Amino acid sequence: MKMHEIREIIKLIDQSSIQEFNLETEGAKVSLKKSNGTETIVVTQPAVQAPVAAPVAHIPAQPVVAAAPVAAEAPKAAAVQAADDANLHKIVSPMVGTFYSAPEPGKPAYVQAGDKVNASKVVCIVEAMKLFNEIEAEVSGEIVKVLVEDGQLVEYGQALFLVKPE
């Protein structure tokens, strides 16, 4: 297992609500556990001459930042936005992973705001553990808004697009 793969796993776990993660593949074992504001990471791989365990790293968890008080007009705007969003279909991520709007770098995005889609139209890719999963629209309609940016990490159930159904 390569270090960049381990770093990607750490990022995904850090940004999720998962408290413990274990992976065994091709003789390598990765164990991640969040507790008391730190993550404990243990990686072991068999060496050619002798088994060696990688050092345990302690990575501080990201601090929780409280939002500043909001003016009285913000709840009114949020209520109007929520009412508009209630009529829209949300295309959500079926897994934790990295969002890609195009089939490969340099290519045009699958869809943009204003595009018409049908239920089987691929709208994006979510990559998880080096598997590229095509996400379909699920409904026919018009893409109203793209809610995430290309390359952004997404959570399970996170809304990716808003679609005005036909």
Protein backbone atom coordinates (compact mmCIF):
# COMPACT_ATOMS: atom_id res chain seq x y z
CA MET A 1 0.00 0.00 0.00
CA LYS A 2 1.41 3.39 -0.99
CA MET A 3 1.66 6.39 1.34
CA HIS A 4 -0.58 8.54 -0.89
CA GLU A 5 -3.30 5.88 -0.63
CA ILE A 6 -2.99 5.90 3.16
CA ARG A 7 -3.16 9.72 3.19
CA GLU A 8 -6.34 9.60 1.07
CA ILE A 9 -7.91 7.12 3.50
CA ILE A 10 -6.95 9.38 6.43
CA LYS A 11 -8.58 12.38 4.70
CA LEU A 12 -11.79 10.46 4.03
CA ILE A 13 -12.01 9.11 7.58
CA ASP A 14 -11.15 12.52 9.09
CA GLN A 15 -13.99 14.19 7.18
CA SER A 16 -16.52 11.51 8.06
CA SER A 17 -18.25 10.50 11.28
CA ILE A 18 -16.54 7.10 11.25
CA GLN A 19 -14.76 6.49 14.56
CA GLU A 20 -12.80 3.35 13.64
CA PHE A 21 -11.60 1.91 10.33
CA ASN A 22 -9.71 -1.33 9.53
CA LEU A 23 -8.47 -2.49 6.13
CA GLU A 24 -6.50 -5.59 5.19
CA THR A 25 -5.34 -6.01 1.62
CA GLU A 26 -2.51 -7.93 -0.04
CA GLY A 27 -0.60 -8.45 3.20
CA ALA A 28 -1.00 -4.83 4.37
CA LYS A 29 -3.12 -3.82 7.32
CA VAL A 30 -4.34 -0.29 8.08
CA SER A 31 -6.15 0.56 11.31
CA LEU A 32 -7.49 4.06 12.04
CA LYS A 33 -9.23 5.08 15.23
CA LYS A 34 -10.47 8.51 16.32
CA SER A 35 -10.59 9.23 20.04
CA ASN A 36 -10.04 12.12 22.45
CA GLY A 37 -9.41 14.62 19.65
CA THR A 38 -6.66 12.57 17.97
CA GLU A 39 -6.44 9.90 15.34
CA THR A 40 -4.26 6.88 15.93
CA ILE A 41 -2.98 5.32 12.73
CA VAL A 42 -1.21 1.98 12.61
CA VAL A 43 0.07 0.63 9.28
CA THR A 44 1.81 -2.71 8.96
CA GLN A 45 3.20 -4.34 5.85
CA PRO A 46 5.35 -7.44 5.52
CA ALA A 47 8.89 -6.53 4.50
CA VAL A 48 11.07 -8.60 2.19
CA GLN A 49 13.51 -9.62 4.93
CA ALA A 50 11.62 -9.04 8.16
CA PRO A 51 8.18 -7.76 9.15
CA VAL A 52 8.26 -4.09 10.08
CA ALA A 53 5.50 -1.97 11.55
CA ALA A 54 5.31 1.65 10.50
CA PRO A 55 5.38 4.15 13.36
CA VAL A 56 2.14 5.22 14.94
CA ALA A 57 1.26 8.78 14.01
CA HIS A 58 -0.91 11.04 16.12
CA ILE A 59 -2.72 13.61 14.05
CA PRO A 60 -4.73 16.26 15.86
CA ALA A 61 -8.38 16.32 14.89
CA GLN A 62 -9.74 19.42 13.24
CA PRO A 63 -11.18 21.83 15.81
CA VAL A 64 -14.91 22.47 15.78
CA VAL A 65 -15.60 26.10 14.90
CA ALA A 66 -18.84 27.62 16.12
CA ALA A 67 -20.71 29.82 13.71
CA ALA A 68 -21.05 33.50 14.45
CA PRO A 69 -24.50 34.85 15.36
CA VAL A 70 -26.60 35.56 12.28
CA ALA A 71 -28.79 38.60 11.67
CA ALA A 72 -32.58 38.24 11.92
CA GLU A 73 -32.97 38.41 8.12
CA ALA A 74 -30.94 35.24 7.55
CA PRO A 75 -33.65 32.89 8.92
CA LYS A 76 -36.20 34.50 6.56
CA ALA A 77 -33.89 33.99 3.56
CA ALA A 78 -33.21 30.42 4.68
CA ALA A 79 -36.96 29.74 4.94
CA VAL A 80 -37.54 31.03 1.39
CA GLN A 81 -34.58 28.96 0.10
CA ALA A 82 -35.88 25.85 1.92
CA ALA A 83 -39.32 26.31 0.34
CA ASP A 84 -37.73 26.55 -3.13
CA ASP A 85 -35.53 23.50 -2.46
CA ALA A 86 -38.56 21.47 -1.27
CA ASN A 87 -39.85 21.34 -4.86
CA LEU A 88 -36.48 20.16 -6.18
CA HIS A 89 -35.08 16.62 -6.31
CA LYS A 90 -31.69 16.16 -4.68
CA ILE A 91 -29.19 13.82 -6.30
CA VAL A 92 -27.16 12.56 -3.34
CA SER A 93 -23.85 10.76 -3.01
CA PRO A 94 -24.32 7.03 -2.38
CA MET A 95 -20.91 6.85 -0.64
CA VAL A 96 -18.03 8.75 0.90
CA GLY A 97 -15.53 9.71 -1.78
CA THR A 98 -14.18 12.36 -4.14
CA PHE A 99 -16.59 14.13 -6.51
CA TYR A 100 -15.59 14.51 -10.15
CA SER A 101 -17.78 16.48 -12.56
CA ALA A 102 -16.10 15.15 -15.72
CA PRO A 103 -15.09 11.70 -17.01
CA GLU A 104 -11.41 12.70 -16.95
CA PRO A 105 -9.30 15.85 -16.42
CA GLY A 106 -9.58 18.36 -19.26
CA LYS A 107 -12.90 16.97 -20.51
CA PRO A 108 -16.18 18.90 -20.22
CA ALA A 109 -18.41 18.28 -17.20
CA TYR A 110 -21.16 15.66 -17.49
CA VAL A 111 -23.78 18.30 -16.61
CA GLN A 112 -24.02 21.96 -15.65
CA ALA A 113 -26.79 24.13 -14.25
CA GLY A 114 -29.48 24.47 -16.92
CA ASP A 115 -28.82 21.11 -18.59
CA LYS A 116 -31.72 18.70 -19.19
CA VAL A 117 -31.24 15.16 -17.88
CA ASN A 118 -33.13 11.88 -17.96
CA ALA A 119 -33.22 9.28 -15.19
CA SER A 120 -30.34 7.20 -16.58
CA LYS A 121 -28.04 10.13 -17.48
CA VAL A 122 -24.63 10.01 -15.74
CA VAL A 123 -24.17 13.33 -13.92
CA CYS A 124 -20.83 12.78 -12.13
CA ILE A 125 -18.35 10.29 -10.72
CA VAL A 126 -17.67 9.59 -7.04
CA GLU A 127 -14.31 7.91 -6.52
CA ALA A 128 -13.89 5.75 -3.44
CA MET A 129 -10.83 3.56 -2.85
CA LYS A 130 -9.69 3.88 -6.49
CA LEU A 131 -13.09 2.77 -7.80
CA PHE A 132 -14.83 5.30 -10.04
CA ASN A 133 -18.60 5.08 -9.54
CA GLU A 134 -20.86 6.76 -12.10
CA ILE A 135 -23.80 8.53 -10.47
CA GLU A 136 -27.04 8.77 -12.47
CA ALA A 137 -29.67 11.51 -12.29
CA GLU A 138 -32.48 9.19 -11.03
CA VAL A 139 -35.12 11.63 -12.39
CA SER A 140 -35.84 13.49 -15.61
CA GLY A 141 -35.64 17.24 -15.38
CA GLU A 142 -33.35 20.26 -15.40
CA ILE A 143 -30.20 20.66 -13.30
CA VAL A 144 -30.87 23.78 -11.23
CA LYS A 145 -27.68 23.86 -9.19
CA VAL A 146 -24.42 21.95 -8.76
CA LEU A 147 -23.80 21.90 -4.99
CA VAL A 148 -20.20 20.63 -4.88
CA GLU A 149 -16.95 21.49 -6.63
CA ASP A 150 -14.81 19.21 -8.75
CA GLY A 151 -12.34 17.28 -6.59
CA GLN A 152 -14.27 17.94 -3.36
CA LEU A 153 -14.65 15.16 -0.79
CA VAL A 154 -18.30 14.22 -0.29
CA GLU A 155 -20.13 12.32 2.44
CA TYR A 156 -22.68 9.53 2.17
CA GLY A 157 -26.09 11.12 1.55
CA GLN A 158 -24.66 14.58 0.76
CA ALA A 159 -26.64 16.47 -1.88
CA LEU A 160 -24.64 16.88 -5.09
CA PHE A 161 -27.20 18.43 -7.47
CA LEU A 162 -30.63 20.02 -7.33
CA VAL A 163 -32.97 18.97 -10.16
CA LYS A 164 -36.31 20.50 -11.13
CA PRO A 165 -38.32 17.39 -12.09
CA GLU A 166 -40.39 17.38 -15.28
